[in-house]
C-alpha cells in the first residue's frame, strides 16, 4: 500500500456534506485513529474508513435507491421502505468508485458501521464504535461510560452500543435493520461466555 492522501479525500468529501455531517465525520476519523492506536490496528486504514463512513449519508433517499438499482446493490424490503438505511452499503460502493478504495477491510468497515455484524473484524468494530462515541455525539444515554469502555474492552462496547441502539429504535418505533438484531444476538452470546 502506497498510502492514502487523507487531506485530499477530506477536501473532496466536504463538497458532498453539510457542515454538521462533515464535523461528525472528522470526529469519527480522529476517534477511529485513537482506537486503532489503543488496539494495534492500522491507523491509516482506521482514518480512511472513519473519514469515508458517511460518504453516502447526504445523498437524498430517492437518489440512494436509484444508485443502488443502477449499480446492482441489493436493497432489502426494510431498506426500500427506509432508504436512509442504505447509506452504509452505498457508502462502501462510493468509497471504492469515487475515492479509489480497494482495501476490502476498509470497505467492509464502512458497510457495517451502522448495523454491525457477527464476528466483526477489529477495524469494523473500531468504525462502528467511533461512529457512536465521537466527541460531537451527545444524546445517547450512558455515553461517558461507553466512551471509557471503548478503550478498555471493545467487544463490550460493541455489545452495549448494539443493545442501546435496539432499545432506542424499539422505543421510537423506528425502522430496524434485522442485521442489527443478528449482530446483537452474536455479541450478547459472546459477553455471556466471557462472564462464565
Protein backbone atom coordinates (compact mmCIF):
# COMPACT_ATOMS: atom_id res chain seq x y z
CA UNK A 1 0.00 0.00 0.00
CA UNK A 2 1.42 3.36 -1.05
CA UNK A 3 -0.67 5.29 1.47
CA UNK A 4 -3.71 7.48 1.14
CA UNK A 5 -3.90 11.22 0.62
CA UNK A 6 -6.29 11.84 3.52
CA UNK A 7 -6.20 15.63 3.17
CA UNK A 8 -7.22 15.37 -0.50
CA UNK A 9 -10.04 12.98 0.45
CA UNK A 10 -11.25 15.43 3.11
CA UNK A 11 -11.41 18.31 0.62
CA UNK A 12 -13.33 16.19 -1.89
CA UNK A 13 -15.71 14.80 0.73
CA UNK A 14 -16.51 18.24 2.17
CA UNK A 15 -18.21 19.19 -1.12
CA UNK A 16 -20.80 16.43 -0.64
CA UNK A 17 -21.71 17.01 3.01
CA UNK A 18 -23.42 19.61 5.10
CA UNK A 19 -21.24 21.24 7.76
CA UNK A 20 -22.51 19.21 10.76
CA UNK A 21 -22.07 15.89 8.94
CA UNK A 22 -18.54 16.87 7.91
CA UNK A 23 -17.59 17.73 11.52
CA UNK A 24 -19.09 14.44 12.70
CA UNK A 25 -17.04 12.66 10.03
CA UNK A 26 -13.81 14.28 11.22
CA UNK A 27 -14.72 13.29 14.78
CA UNK A 28 -15.17 9.67 13.70
CA UNK A 29 -11.88 9.73 11.81
CA UNK A 30 -9.92 11.01 14.84
CA UNK A 31 -11.73 8.72 17.28
CA UNK A 32 -11.09 5.74 14.99
CA UNK A 33 -7.39 6.65 14.84
CA UNK A 34 -7.27 6.78 18.65
CA UNK A 35 -8.96 3.39 18.97
CA UNK A 36 -6.60 1.97 16.33
CA UNK A 37 -3.63 3.17 18.41
CA UNK A 38 -5.14 1.57 21.50
CA UNK A 39 -5.81 -1.82 19.89
CA UNK A 40 -2.90 -2.07 17.44
CA UNK A 41 -4.94 -1.66 14.26
CA UNK A 42 -3.58 0.09 11.17
CA UNK A 43 -4.05 3.80 11.96
CA UNK A 44 -4.25 4.93 8.35
CA UNK A 45 -6.92 2.36 7.50
CA UNK A 46 -8.92 3.49 10.53
CA UNK A 47 -8.62 7.13 9.43
CA UNK A 48 -9.73 6.39 5.87
CA UNK A 49 -12.68 4.23 6.96
CA UNK A 50 -13.67 6.83 9.57
CA UNK A 51 -13.44 9.65 7.05
CA UNK A 52 -15.50 7.87 4.39
CA UNK A 53 -18.00 6.02 6.61
CA UNK A 54 -20.81 8.52 5.85
CA UNK A 55 -19.81 9.46 2.29
CA UNK A 56 -23.31 8.49 1.06
CA UNK A 57 -25.24 9.92 4.03
CA UNK A 58 -26.20 13.26 2.46
CA UNK A 59 -27.45 11.74 -0.80
CA UNK A 60 -31.26 12.18 -0.98
CA UNK A 61 -33.17 8.95 -0.29
CA UNK A 62 -34.67 8.61 -3.77
CA UNK A 63 -31.22 9.02 -5.29
CA UNK A 64 -29.85 6.37 -2.89
CA UNK A 65 -32.42 3.91 -4.22
CA UNK A 66 -31.70 4.90 -7.83
CA UNK A 67 -27.92 4.50 -7.38
CA UNK A 68 -28.44 1.08 -5.81
CA UNK A 69 -30.62 -0.04 -8.72
CA UNK A 70 -28.18 1.32 -11.31
CA UNK A 71 -25.19 -0.37 -9.66
CA UNK A 72 -26.86 -3.69 -8.73
CA UNK A 73 -26.52 -3.06 -4.99
CA UNK A 74 -29.05 -5.27 -3.15
CA UNK A 75 -31.86 -3.45 -1.34
CA UNK A 76 -33.93 -5.25 1.31
CA UNK A 77 -37.63 -4.61 1.84
CA UNK A 78 -36.78 -2.68 5.02
CA UNK A 79 -34.30 -0.52 3.10
CA UNK A 80 -36.81 0.04 0.31
CA UNK A 81 -39.20 1.48 2.90
CA UNK A 82 -36.44 3.35 4.78
CA UNK A 83 -33.76 4.27 2.19
CA UNK A 84 -31.69 6.20 4.74
CA UNK A 85 -30.53 2.77 5.94
CA UNK A 86 -28.75 2.29 2.60
CA UNK A 87 -26.06 4.90 3.25
CA UNK A 88 -23.59 2.38 4.69
CA UNK A 89 -23.74 -0.16 1.86
CA UNK A 90 -23.91 2.55 -0.78
CA UNK A 91 -21.07 4.34 1.03
CA UNK A 92 -18.81 1.32 0.59
CA UNK A 93 -19.60 1.38 -3.14
CA UNK A 94 -18.90 5.13 -3.40
CA UNK A 95 -15.66 4.79 -1.40
CA UNK A 96 -14.48 2.27 -4.00
CA UNK A 97 -15.67 4.18 -7.08
CA UNK A 98 -15.11 7.84 -6.14
CA UNK A 99 -12.22 7.57 -3.69
CA UNK A 100 -10.38 4.58 -5.20
CA UNK A 101 -10.51 2.48 -2.03
CA UNK A 102 -9.71 -1.11 -2.91
CA UNK A 103 -8.93 -2.48 0.55
CA UNK A 104 -11.76 -4.91 1.44
CA UNK A 105 -11.25 -4.28 5.19
CA UNK A 106 -11.91 -0.55 4.80
CA UNK A 107 -14.91 -1.13 2.54
CA UNK A 108 -16.36 -3.67 4.96
CA UNK A 109 -15.88 -1.30 7.91
CA UNK A 110 -17.86 1.33 6.00
CA UNK A 111 -20.58 -1.15 5.02
CA UNK A 112 -21.22 -2.39 8.57
CA UNK A 113 -20.70 0.83 10.54
CA UNK A 114 -24.40 1.26 11.36
CA UNK A 115 -25.70 -2.29 11.81
CA UNK A 116 -22.63 -4.21 12.91
CA UNK A 117 -22.48 -7.91 12.13
CA UNK A 118 -21.43 -11.14 13.85
CA UNK A 119 -17.66 -11.69 14.10
CA UNK A 120 -16.70 -8.16 13.13
CA UNK A 121 -13.06 -7.53 12.32
CA UNK A 122 -11.17 -5.19 14.63
CA UNK A 123 -11.39 -2.39 12.05
CA UNK A 124 -15.16 -2.90 11.70
CA UNK A 125 -15.56 -2.71 15.49
CA UNK A 126 -13.43 0.43 15.62
CA UNK A 127 -15.50 2.29 13.00
CA UNK A 128 -18.80 1.05 14.45
CA UNK A 129 -17.74 2.27 17.90
CA UNK A 130 -16.11 5.52 16.77
CA UNK A 131 -19.31 6.49 14.95
CA UNK A 132 -21.22 6.18 18.23
CA UNK A 133 -18.75 7.80 20.64
CA UNK A 134 -17.09 10.59 18.64
CA UNK A 135 -16.92 13.90 20.56
CA UNK A 136 -19.88 15.62 18.83
CA UNK A 137 -22.29 12.84 19.85
CA UNK A 138 -24.16 13.82 22.99
CA UNK A 139 -27.65 12.30 23.01
CA UNK A 140 -27.12 8.64 23.86
CA UNK A 141 -27.65 7.54 27.44
CA UNK A 142 -24.54 6.40 29.29
CA UNK A 143 -22.21 7.84 26.65
CA UNK A 144 -19.42 8.69 29.11
CA UNK A 145 -19.31 5.09 30.33
CA UNK A 146 -19.35 3.72 26.77
CA UNK A 147 -16.51 6.06 25.80
CA UNK A 148 -14.38 4.72 28.65
CA UNK A 149 -15.41 1.14 27.87
CA UNK A 150 -14.41 1.56 24.20
CA UNK A 151 -10.78 1.97 25.26
CA UNK A 152 -10.91 -0.88 27.79
CA UNK A 153 -12.91 -3.65 26.06
CA UNK A 154 -14.08 -3.00 22.52
CA UNK A 155 -16.27 -6.12 22.35
CA UNK A 156 -18.12 -4.99 25.46
CA UNK A 157 -18.51 -1.51 23.92
CA UNK A 158 -19.88 -3.01 20.67
CA UNK A 159 -22.38 -5.12 22.63
CA UNK A 160 -23.50 -2.15 24.73
CA UNK A 161 -23.91 0.08 21.66
CA UNK A 162 -25.97 -2.61 19.88
CA UNK A 163 -28.14 -3.10 22.97
CA UNK A 164 -28.69 0.63 23.44
CA UNK A 165 -29.43 1.09 19.72
CA UNK A 166 -32.08 -1.64 19.75
CA UNK A 167 -33.66 -0.19 22.90
CA UNK A 168 -33.78 3.26 21.31
CA UNK A 169 -35.19 2.01 17.98
CA UNK A 170 -37.90 -0.03 19.73
CA UNK A 171 -38.86 2.92 21.95
CA UNK A 172 -39.00 5.31 18.97
CA UNK A 173 -40.87 2.73 16.85
CA UNK A 174 -38.49 3.48 14.00
CA UNK A 175 -37.15 1.22 11.23
CA UNK A 176 -34.95 -1.56 12.41
CA UNK A 177 -32.45 -3.35 10.19
CA UNK A 178 -32.52 -7.06 11.04
CA UNK A 179 -28.71 -7.15 10.68
CA UNK A 180 -28.52 -5.15 13.95
CA UNK A 181 -30.57 -7.81 15.76
CA UNK A 182 -28.33 -10.58 14.39
CA UNK A 183 -25.21 -8.68 15.47
CA UNK A 184 -26.69 -8.00 18.92
CA UNK A 185 -27.53 -11.69 19.46
CA UNK A 186 -23.99 -12.69 18.48
CA UNK A 187 -22.32 -10.20 20.85
CA UNK A 188 -24.77 -10.99 23.65
CA UNK A 189 -23.70 -14.65 23.49
CA UNK A 190 -20.06 -13.58 23.36
CA UNK A 191 -20.50 -11.46 26.52
CA UNK A 192 -22.30 -14.31 28.29
CA UNK A 193 -19.37 -16.63 27.52
CA UNK A 194 -16.82 -14.16 28.92
CA UNK A 195 -18.83 -13.76 32.14
CA UNK A 196 -18.67 -17.51 32.88
